[in-house]
Protein backbone atom coordinates (compact mmCIF):
# COMPACT_ATOMS: atom_id res chain seq x y z
CA MET A 1 215.72 22.96 67.58
CA ARG A 2 218.42 24.71 69.44
CA PHE A 3 220.27 28.06 68.63
CA ARG A 4 223.83 28.19 67.33
CA TRP A 5 226.19 30.36 69.18
CA SER A 6 226.35 33.88 67.55
CA ILE A 7 230.00 35.10 66.94
CA ASP A 8 230.79 38.63 66.60
CA LEU A 9 233.75 38.47 64.17
CA LYS A 10 234.30 42.23 64.56
CA LEU A 11 234.78 41.74 68.08
CA ILE A 12 237.13 39.02 67.81
CA ILE A 13 239.23 40.86 65.45
CA PHE A 14 239.09 44.11 67.43
CA PHE A 15 240.15 41.74 70.69
CA LEU A 16 243.12 40.21 68.86
CA ILE A 17 244.49 43.65 67.55
CA SER A 18 244.17 45.17 71.19
CA LEU A 19 245.84 42.16 72.75
CA GLY A 20 248.56 42.31 70.11
CA SER A 21 249.14 45.80 70.62
CA LEU A 22 249.79 45.29 74.43
CA VAL A 23 251.79 42.36 74.14
CA ILE A 24 254.07 44.05 71.49
CA PHE A 25 254.14 47.53 73.79
CA TYR A 26 255.31 45.22 76.82
CA TYR A 27 258.34 43.94 74.93
CA VAL A 28 259.35 46.77 72.49
CA GLU A 29 262.19 48.96 73.81
CA ASP A 30 260.99 52.28 72.26
CA LYS A 31 257.63 52.44 74.05
CA ALA A 32 257.15 56.05 73.33
CA ALA A 33 257.21 55.61 69.89
CA PHE A 34 255.08 52.57 69.94
CA ILE A 35 252.32 54.06 72.09
CA ASN A 36 250.49 55.48 69.06
CA PHE A 37 249.55 51.92 67.89
CA PHE A 38 246.68 52.02 70.36
CA PHE A 39 245.03 54.63 68.17
CA ILE A 40 244.10 51.53 65.84
CA PRO A 41 241.95 49.37 68.20
CA THR A 42 240.17 52.80 69.74
CA LEU A 43 239.44 54.07 66.00
CA LEU A 44 238.02 50.79 65.02
CA ALA A 45 235.84 50.70 68.12
CA GLY A 46 234.51 53.86 67.26
CA TYR A 47 233.81 52.96 63.86
CA PHE A 48 232.15 49.64 64.91
CA TYR A 49 230.60 50.28 68.21
CA THR A 50 230.41 54.06 68.20
CA THR A 51 231.22 56.57 71.02
CA LYS A 52 230.63 54.28 73.87
CA GLY A 53 232.89 51.72 72.46
CA SER A 54 235.73 53.88 71.61
CA ALA A 55 235.62 55.71 75.01
CA ILE A 56 235.94 52.29 76.79
CA THR A 57 238.62 50.94 74.58
CA ALA A 58 240.51 54.41 74.87
CA ILE A 59 240.23 54.39 78.92
CA THR A 60 241.31 50.53 78.82
CA SER A 61 244.28 50.98 76.39
CA ILE A 62 245.41 54.15 78.88
CA LEU A 63 245.09 51.78 81.74
CA PHE A 64 247.11 49.14 80.16
CA VAL A 65 249.84 51.54 79.11
CA CYS A 66 250.08 52.89 82.55
CA ILE A 67 250.28 49.32 84.16
CA VAL A 68 253.09 48.40 81.70
CA ALA A 69 254.96 51.60 82.44
CA PHE A 70 254.59 50.78 85.91
CA MET A 71 256.13 47.19 85.50
CA SER A 72 258.86 48.52 82.83
CA PHE A 73 260.33 51.87 84.29
CA GLU A 74 261.63 53.12 87.53
CA ASP A 75 260.32 56.73 86.91
CA TYR A 76 257.04 55.42 85.54
CA ILE A 77 255.42 58.74 86.84
CA GLY A 78 257.72 60.78 84.63
CA PHE A 79 256.92 58.34 81.58
CA ILE A 80 253.23 58.74 82.23
CA ARG A 81 253.32 62.70 82.63
CA GLN A 82 255.51 63.23 79.45
CA GLU A 83 254.32 60.61 77.05
CA VAL A 84 250.72 59.27 78.20
CA LEU A 85 248.70 62.32 79.52
CA LEU A 86 248.53 64.42 76.39
CA TRP A 87 248.43 61.22 74.00
CA GLY A 88 245.71 59.90 76.19
CA CYS A 89 243.50 62.80 75.77
CA PHE A 90 243.99 62.87 71.99
CA LEU A 91 243.08 58.94 71.87
CA ILE A 92 239.95 59.66 73.82
CA VAL A 93 239.00 62.61 71.62
CA SER A 94 239.86 61.06 68.49
CA GLY A 95 237.80 57.87 69.17
CA TYR A 96 234.89 59.89 70.18
CA VAL A 97 234.83 61.72 67.27
CA ILE A 98 235.00 58.72 65.05
CA GLY A 99 232.11 57.29 67.29
CA ALA A 100 229.96 60.38 66.85
CA LEU A 101 230.43 60.59 63.06
CA THR A 102 229.70 56.78 62.76
CA GLU A 103 226.56 57.38 64.78
CA ARG A 104 225.46 60.23 62.39
CA ILE A 105 226.23 58.46 59.35
CA ASN A 106 224.01 55.33 60.80
CA ALA A 107 221.24 57.74 61.68
CA ALA A 108 221.09 59.11 58.06
CA HIS A 109 221.44 55.57 56.89
CA LEU A 110 218.42 54.43 58.82
CA ALA A 111 216.40 57.43 57.73
CA THR A 112 217.14 56.93 53.94
CA ILE A 113 215.85 53.18 54.73
CA ALA A 114 212.78 54.35 56.53
CA THR A 115 211.91 56.74 53.86
CA LEU A 116 212.24 54.08 50.99
CA ALA A 117 210.04 51.73 53.15
CA LEU A 118 207.29 54.37 53.67
CA ALA A 119 207.25 55.18 49.92
CA MET A 120 206.71 51.48 49.10
CA GLU A 121 204.17 51.29 51.80
CA SER A 122 202.29 54.45 50.67
CA ARG A 123 200.65 52.39 47.80
CA ASP A 124 198.52 50.74 50.24
CA ALA A 125 196.80 52.46 53.27
CA TYR A 126 196.55 48.79 54.90
CA THR A 127 200.00 48.34 54.95
CA TYR A 128 201.34 51.65 55.76
CA GLY A 129 203.75 51.32 58.72
CA HIS A 130 204.00 47.84 58.56
CA SER A 131 207.48 47.62 57.81
CA SER A 132 208.68 49.80 60.77
CA ARG A 133 206.27 47.70 63.23
CA VAL A 134 207.98 44.47 61.98
CA ALA A 135 211.37 45.91 62.49
CA GLU A 136 210.67 47.12 66.00
CA VAL A 137 209.03 43.47 66.79
CA ALA A 138 211.97 41.86 65.26
CA VAL A 139 214.48 43.81 67.27
CA ARG A 140 212.56 43.12 70.52
CA ILE A 141 213.08 39.44 69.88
CA ALA A 142 216.53 39.78 68.92
CA ARG A 143 217.20 41.56 72.26
CA LYS A 144 215.38 38.95 73.95
CA LEU A 145 218.00 36.62 72.51
CA LYS A 146 220.78 38.78 73.68
CA LEU A 147 222.12 38.87 70.13
CA PRO A 148 224.96 41.39 69.28
CA ARG A 149 224.15 45.07 68.85
CA TYR A 150 225.47 44.99 65.24
CA GLN A 151 223.12 41.99 64.54
CA GLN A 152 220.20 43.92 66.12
CA ARG A 153 220.65 46.80 63.79
CA THR A 154 221.03 44.49 60.65
CA ILE A 155 217.66 42.91 61.65
CA ARG A 156 216.11 46.23 62.10
CA ILE A 157 217.13 47.52 58.72
CA ALA A 158 216.18 44.08 57.17
CA GLY A 159 212.74 44.42 59.02
CA MET A 160 212.31 47.98 57.30
CA LEU A 161 213.18 46.67 53.95
CA HIS A 162 211.84 43.34 53.90
CA ASP A 163 208.88 44.16 51.53
CA ILE A 164 210.76 46.57 49.42
CA GLY A 165 210.38 44.05 46.32
CA LYS A 166 206.70 44.75 46.53
CA PHE A 167 207.58 47.64 44.38
CA GLY A 168 207.47 44.96 41.58
CA VAL A 169 204.19 43.75 42.40
CA ARG A 170 201.28 45.11 40.46
CA GLU A 171 199.33 47.78 42.51
CA GLU A 172 196.00 46.10 41.86
CA ILE A 173 197.15 42.87 43.40
CA LEU A 174 198.31 44.85 46.50
CA ARG A 175 194.83 46.51 46.88
CA LYS A 176 192.75 43.18 45.92
CA LYS A 177 190.07 42.58 48.55
CA GLY A 178 189.14 39.19 47.59
CA PRO A 179 191.55 36.08 47.28
CA LEU A 180 194.25 35.87 45.14
CA THR A 181 194.40 33.54 42.01
CA GLU A 182 197.22 31.11 41.97
CA ALA A 183 198.79 33.21 39.13
CA GLU A 184 198.55 36.47 41.60
CA TYR A 185 199.97 34.51 44.33
CA ASP A 186 203.00 33.34 42.40
CA HIS A 187 203.48 36.99 41.29
CA VAL A 188 203.44 38.19 45.03
CA ARG A 189 205.85 35.54 46.00
CA GLN A 190 208.47 37.02 43.94
CA HIS A 191 208.83 40.16 46.09
CA PRO A 192 211.77 38.85 48.23
CA PHE A 193 213.77 38.20 45.06
CA ILE A 194 212.76 41.55 43.62
CA GLY A 195 214.01 43.16 46.58
CA THR A 196 217.48 41.28 46.86
CA SER A 197 217.68 42.51 43.15
CA ILE A 198 216.91 46.12 44.10
CA LEU A 199 219.38 46.16 47.20
CA SER A 200 221.99 43.88 45.95
CA PRO A 201 224.21 46.95 44.37
CA ILE A 202 224.38 48.47 47.71
CA ARG A 203 227.52 47.23 49.53
CA LEU A 204 226.44 48.54 52.82
CA LEU A 205 223.42 45.91 53.08
CA LYS A 206 225.32 42.94 52.10
CA ASP A 207 224.52 41.30 55.58
CA THR A 208 220.96 42.44 55.61
CA ILE A 209 220.11 40.84 51.98
CA PRO A 210 220.19 37.36 53.10
CA TYR A 211 217.52 38.23 55.65
CA ILE A 212 215.18 39.71 53.13
CA TYR A 213 215.64 36.95 50.71
CA TYR A 214 214.63 34.19 53.10
CA HIS A 215 212.19 35.71 55.28
CA HIS A 216 209.23 33.72 53.89
CA GLU A 217 211.01 30.26 54.45
CA HIS A 218 209.40 27.83 56.68
CA VAL A 219 211.62 25.77 59.23
CA ASP A 220 209.94 22.65 57.88
CA GLY A 221 210.88 23.26 54.42
CA LYS A 222 207.69 24.32 53.10
CA GLY A 223 208.52 27.97 52.19
CA TYR A 224 209.25 29.70 49.01
CA LEU A 225 212.72 28.31 48.56
CA HIS A 226 212.21 25.00 50.66
CA LYS A 227 215.03 25.77 53.15
CA THR A 228 214.81 24.08 56.38
CA GLY A 229 215.85 25.00 60.06
CA PHE A 230 219.47 26.38 60.15
CA GLU A 231 219.77 26.57 56.47
CA ILE A 232 217.53 29.84 56.98
CA PRO A 233 219.38 32.50 58.56
CA LEU A 234 218.66 33.64 62.10
CA GLY A 235 217.59 36.97 61.06
CA ALA A 236 215.27 35.84 58.45
CA ARG A 237 213.58 33.53 60.95
CA ILE A 238 213.28 36.25 63.32
CA LEU A 239 211.60 38.35 60.73
CA ALA A 240 209.12 35.65 59.64
CA VAL A 241 207.77 35.68 63.23
CA ALA A 242 207.72 39.41 63.33
CA ASP A 243 205.87 39.74 59.98
CA ALA A 244 203.41 37.18 60.74
CA TYR A 245 202.63 38.97 64.22
CA ASP A 246 201.97 42.16 62.43
CA ALA A 247 199.88 40.71 59.77
CA MET A 248 197.64 39.00 61.97
CA THR A 249 197.14 41.74 64.47
CA THR A 250 196.32 44.58 61.58
CA ASN A 251 193.35 44.86 59.09
CA ARG A 252 194.13 43.83 55.75
CA PRO A 253 192.03 44.39 52.58
CA TYR A 254 190.62 40.91 52.56
CA ARG A 255 190.19 40.42 56.35
CA LYS A 256 189.94 42.03 59.86
CA ALA A 257 192.65 41.64 62.42
CA LEU A 258 192.43 38.19 63.95
CA SER A 259 191.56 37.83 67.66
CA ARG A 260 194.42 37.34 70.45
CA GLU A 261 193.04 33.77 70.85
CA ARG A 262 193.30 33.00 67.09
CA ILE A 263 196.57 34.35 67.05
CA LEU A 264 197.81 32.31 69.89
CA GLU A 265 196.35 29.22 68.46
CA ILE A 266 198.07 29.71 65.09
CA PHE A 267 201.44 30.46 66.61
CA LYS A 268 201.32 27.32 68.90
CA MET A 269 200.17 25.18 65.88
CA GLU A 270 202.84 26.19 63.41
CA SER A 271 205.61 26.49 65.92
CA GLY A 272 208.25 24.07 64.88
CA LYS A 273 206.67 23.88 61.49
CA GLN A 274 206.35 27.37 59.77
CA PHE A 275 208.15 29.31 62.57
CA ASP A 276 211.18 28.50 64.79
CA GLN A 277 209.65 27.36 68.16
CA LYS A 278 212.51 29.37 70.09
CA LEU A 279 211.44 32.50 68.34
CA VAL A 280 207.81 32.02 69.05
CA LYS A 281 208.48 31.46 72.77
CA ALA A 282 210.60 34.74 72.74
CA LEU A 283 207.85 36.81 71.00
CA LEU A 284 204.92 35.36 73.38
CA GLU A 285 207.39 36.20 76.39
CA ILE A 286 207.92 39.99 75.39
CA THR A 287 204.25 40.44 74.60
CA ASP A 288 203.01 38.58 77.70
CA ASP A 289 201.13 36.09 75.40
CA LEU A 290 200.10 38.87 73.11
CA LYS A 291 198.60 40.80 75.91
CA THR A 292 201.20 43.71 75.17
CA ASP A 293 201.55 45.37 71.95
CA ILE A 294 205.06 46.00 71.29
CA SER A 295 204.93 47.98 68.10
CA PRO A 296 206.15 51.54 67.72
CA PRO A 297 203.84 54.68 67.77
CA GLU A 298 202.12 54.66 64.33
CA PRO A 299 202.70 57.47 61.81
CA ARG A 300 199.84 60.02 61.18
CA GLY A 301 196.98 58.93 58.93
CA MET A 302 197.72 55.25 59.59
CA LYS A 303 194.57 53.02 60.32
CA ALA A 304 194.36 52.43 64.13
CA LYS A 305 196.01 48.98 65.21
CA ILE A 306 193.56 46.57 66.63
CA SER A 307 193.89 46.32 70.31
CA LEU A 308 194.87 42.84 71.48
């Protein structure tokens, strides 16, 4: 099974706008008037790629303008002094402010999501902190695959919210220490769909919801909805591996954490069946065959994680 190329559509649109601005600026006669058009790619970079992206875009735009001025004017130094210097300062500051505001909004967004996840997990001491650990493992896998930063962020949010649908699962089932009946298991299986219903009105999560909806699918088609391979979003396949990793390495009401040898055996046996084999390989690489625990620090009061 091979990965498809991951395309950052925002980056492509952003590049085309920047390129178009440069081409128009080169050919337009009134360059002083058109120079402000470069605020558009800079502000977009601040919104989508925060302060670092906006700073790089602003500086690059200033350099391009200076190069075009050098090619277009005999007195290019005068044009740079009169038009570019003050404009460039405003460009950098504006992009930085938009980027900083975006970072603060994103931080508040993630904090709200973390609170929702902890509220759900507080119903069961055994799974308290599960979502934050799944999110961390999933992001580490995404980084290993060198996915775009925006996709890593989407995967982190999906990891934190992947079990939010368990708000709709009866508490006695979540806390049950024995095996579930078929009816109880069918009830638990509804949680991805319940979670999707809860989150679907939130437009900011439109890219996150498919990962939550499909995170219990198997690549061989034996999951909840019988989707196979690339029919399952990459983020959902990553969550499936991260979710299983945390489930197997922590105590549950019905069993103790599994041994490292047993977990390795399960991952190798289910690679290409339940789990995407490329993602299993990535997990084993970043954990040194499960010798390294990559979960985040546990919140106070949570049961200690079993050492591998």
